[in-house]
């Protein structure tokens, strides 16, 4: 398995983020506009949390809160598990499974450089398997 930084280089490097004082409604709109299930909550350049669709459903919708009045800081996941750029994809998968999360911010020397999702890892695993199959087919054919 490869370092996670290789996956970050293969895709759009945009880091989607929201400020903690933004309303949940506006945060959800950003999630929708970006087409992502989670984004970083940043206070300036400091990572303070992650806002996910799961946070909304469990901490707003199911508790009867108003998304236009509630701030992202009130519902975000605060204890953020991060990985470094050299963390291997297998370790990322293990962390996601162990903590029941789908997104991992990637931090290098205290600076957020991206976020990896379970989809990114699964796409990479599938691509690796397809490459292995193609190599085996070529080997068998020759």
Protein backbone atom coordinates (compact mmCIF):
# COMPACT_ATOMS: atom_id res chain seq x y z
CA UNK A 1 0.00 0.00 0.00
CA UNK A 2 1.20 3.48 -0.86
CA UNK A 3 1.57 6.67 1.18
CA UNK A 4 -1.59 8.76 1.30
CA UNK A 5 0.20 11.74 -0.24
CA UNK A 6 0.21 9.84 -3.56
CA UNK A 7 -3.60 9.75 -3.50
CA UNK A 8 -3.74 13.48 -2.79
CA UNK A 9 -1.57 14.19 -5.85
CA UNK A 10 -3.92 12.19 -8.11
CA UNK A 11 -7.00 14.31 -7.45
CA UNK A 12 -8.20 17.85 -7.01
CA UNK A 13 -6.12 19.39 -4.23
CA UNK A 14 -8.85 21.77 -3.05
CA UNK A 15 -9.27 21.73 0.72
CA UNK A 16 -12.92 22.41 1.48
CA UNK A 17 -13.38 24.27 4.72
CA UNK A 18 -15.83 26.26 6.77
CA UNK A 19 -15.43 28.58 9.77
CA UNK A 20 -16.79 27.43 13.14
CA UNK A 21 -19.06 30.50 13.51
CA UNK A 22 -20.98 29.81 10.27
CA UNK A 23 -24.54 28.53 10.63
CA UNK A 24 -25.10 24.83 10.08
CA UNK A 25 -27.47 25.71 7.24
CA UNK A 26 -24.71 27.59 5.41
CA UNK A 27 -22.27 24.77 6.16
CA UNK A 28 -24.71 22.25 4.66
CA UNK A 29 -25.07 24.45 1.60
CA UNK A 30 -21.29 24.39 1.17
CA UNK A 31 -21.26 20.59 1.50
CA UNK A 32 -23.90 20.42 -1.22
CA UNK A 33 -22.18 22.99 -3.46
CA UNK A 34 -18.86 21.14 -3.19
CA UNK A 35 -20.48 17.73 -3.58
CA UNK A 36 -18.74 16.31 -0.50
CA UNK A 37 -19.92 14.55 2.64
CA UNK A 38 -17.57 16.32 5.03
CA UNK A 39 -15.29 19.32 5.23
CA UNK A 40 -12.75 20.78 7.57
CA UNK A 41 -13.69 23.34 10.18
CA UNK A 42 -10.87 25.85 10.29
CA UNK A 43 -10.28 28.81 12.59
CA UNK A 44 -7.88 30.70 10.38
CA UNK A 45 -5.21 28.12 9.54
CA UNK A 46 -5.98 25.95 12.58
CA UNK A 47 -7.97 22.75 12.23
CA UNK A 48 -10.63 22.77 14.96
CA UNK A 49 -13.04 20.11 13.70
CA UNK A 50 -14.80 18.32 10.89
CA UNK A 51 -18.36 18.97 9.75
CA UNK A 52 -20.09 15.97 8.18
CA UNK A 53 -23.55 15.04 7.02
CA UNK A 54 -23.55 12.58 9.93
CA UNK A 55 -22.97 15.45 12.39
CA UNK A 56 -26.00 17.22 10.95
CA UNK A 57 -28.34 14.23 11.06
CA UNK A 58 -27.37 13.20 14.60
CA UNK A 59 -26.84 16.58 16.26
CA UNK A 60 -29.36 18.83 14.51
CA UNK A 61 -32.11 16.94 12.69
CA UNK A 62 -32.63 14.23 15.30
CA UNK A 63 -32.41 16.67 18.21
CA UNK A 64 -34.86 19.16 16.73
CA UNK A 65 -32.37 22.01 16.48
CA UNK A 66 -32.70 24.74 13.88
CA UNK A 67 -29.90 24.65 11.29
CA UNK A 68 -30.32 28.38 10.57
CA UNK A 69 -29.64 29.24 14.23
CA UNK A 70 -27.12 26.58 15.24
CA UNK A 71 -23.43 27.25 14.59
CA UNK A 72 -21.06 24.71 13.06
CA UNK A 73 -18.94 24.85 16.25
CA UNK A 74 -21.87 23.40 18.22
CA UNK A 75 -22.14 20.21 16.16
CA UNK A 76 -18.76 19.60 14.55
CA UNK A 77 -16.64 16.62 15.46
CA UNK A 78 -13.95 18.11 17.68
CA UNK A 79 -11.67 15.17 18.37
CA UNK A 80 -10.30 14.96 14.85
CA UNK A 81 -8.14 12.02 13.92
CA UNK A 82 -5.52 13.07 11.40
CA UNK A 83 -2.84 11.34 9.38
CA UNK A 84 0.46 12.47 7.93
CA UNK A 85 1.33 12.47 4.23
CA UNK A 86 3.43 9.32 4.58
CA UNK A 87 0.72 7.32 6.35
CA UNK A 88 -0.03 4.22 4.29
CA UNK A 89 -3.48 3.61 2.84
CA UNK A 90 -3.86 0.37 4.83
CA UNK A 91 -3.33 2.28 8.10
CA UNK A 92 -5.88 4.90 7.01
CA UNK A 93 -8.40 2.14 6.32
CA UNK A 94 -7.75 0.66 9.76
CA UNK A 95 -8.25 4.05 11.46
CA UNK A 96 -11.48 4.68 9.57
CA UNK A 97 -12.81 1.26 10.46
CA UNK A 98 -11.74 1.44 14.10
CA UNK A 99 -13.23 4.90 14.67
CA UNK A 100 -16.22 4.50 12.31
CA UNK A 101 -15.30 7.55 10.27
CA UNK A 102 -15.18 8.18 6.53
CA UNK A 103 -12.78 11.11 6.27
CA UNK A 104 -9.26 11.80 7.50
CA UNK A 105 -7.57 15.20 7.34
CA UNK A 106 -3.96 14.99 6.18
CA UNK A 107 -1.65 17.22 8.19
CA UNK A 108 2.01 17.93 7.47
CA UNK A 109 4.04 19.82 10.08
CA UNK A 110 0.86 21.29 11.59
CA UNK A 111 -0.55 22.42 8.23
CA UNK A 112 -3.60 20.82 6.65
CA UNK A 113 -2.70 19.68 3.14
CA UNK A 114 -5.87 17.76 2.27
CA UNK A 115 -8.53 15.32 3.33
CA UNK A 116 -8.82 11.72 2.27
CA UNK A 117 -12.08 9.79 2.13
CA UNK A 118 -12.87 6.11 2.25
CA UNK A 119 -13.92 6.46 -1.40
CA UNK A 120 -10.43 7.71 -2.32
CA UNK A 121 -8.88 4.67 -0.68
CA UNK A 122 -11.35 2.22 -2.21
CA UNK A 123 -10.83 3.71 -5.69
CA UNK A 124 -7.08 3.26 -5.25
CA UNK A 125 -7.45 -0.35 -4.11
CA UNK A 126 -9.66 -1.13 -7.10
CA UNK A 127 -7.16 0.49 -9.48
CA UNK A 128 -4.32 -1.53 -7.94
CA UNK A 129 -6.30 -4.75 -8.32
CA UNK A 130 -7.16 -3.96 -11.94
CA UNK A 131 -3.48 -3.30 -12.67
CA UNK A 132 -2.49 -6.59 -11.04
CA UNK A 133 -5.10 -8.47 -13.06
CA UNK A 134 -3.89 -6.86 -16.29
CA UNK A 135 -0.29 -7.78 -15.48
CA UNK A 136 -1.27 -11.38 -14.71
CA UNK A 137 -3.26 -11.62 -17.95
CA UNK A 138 -0.28 -10.32 -19.90
CA UNK A 139 2.02 -12.79 -18.15
CA UNK A 140 -0.31 -15.72 -18.84
CA UNK A 141 -0.77 -14.70 -22.50
CA UNK A 142 2.94 -14.52 -23.23
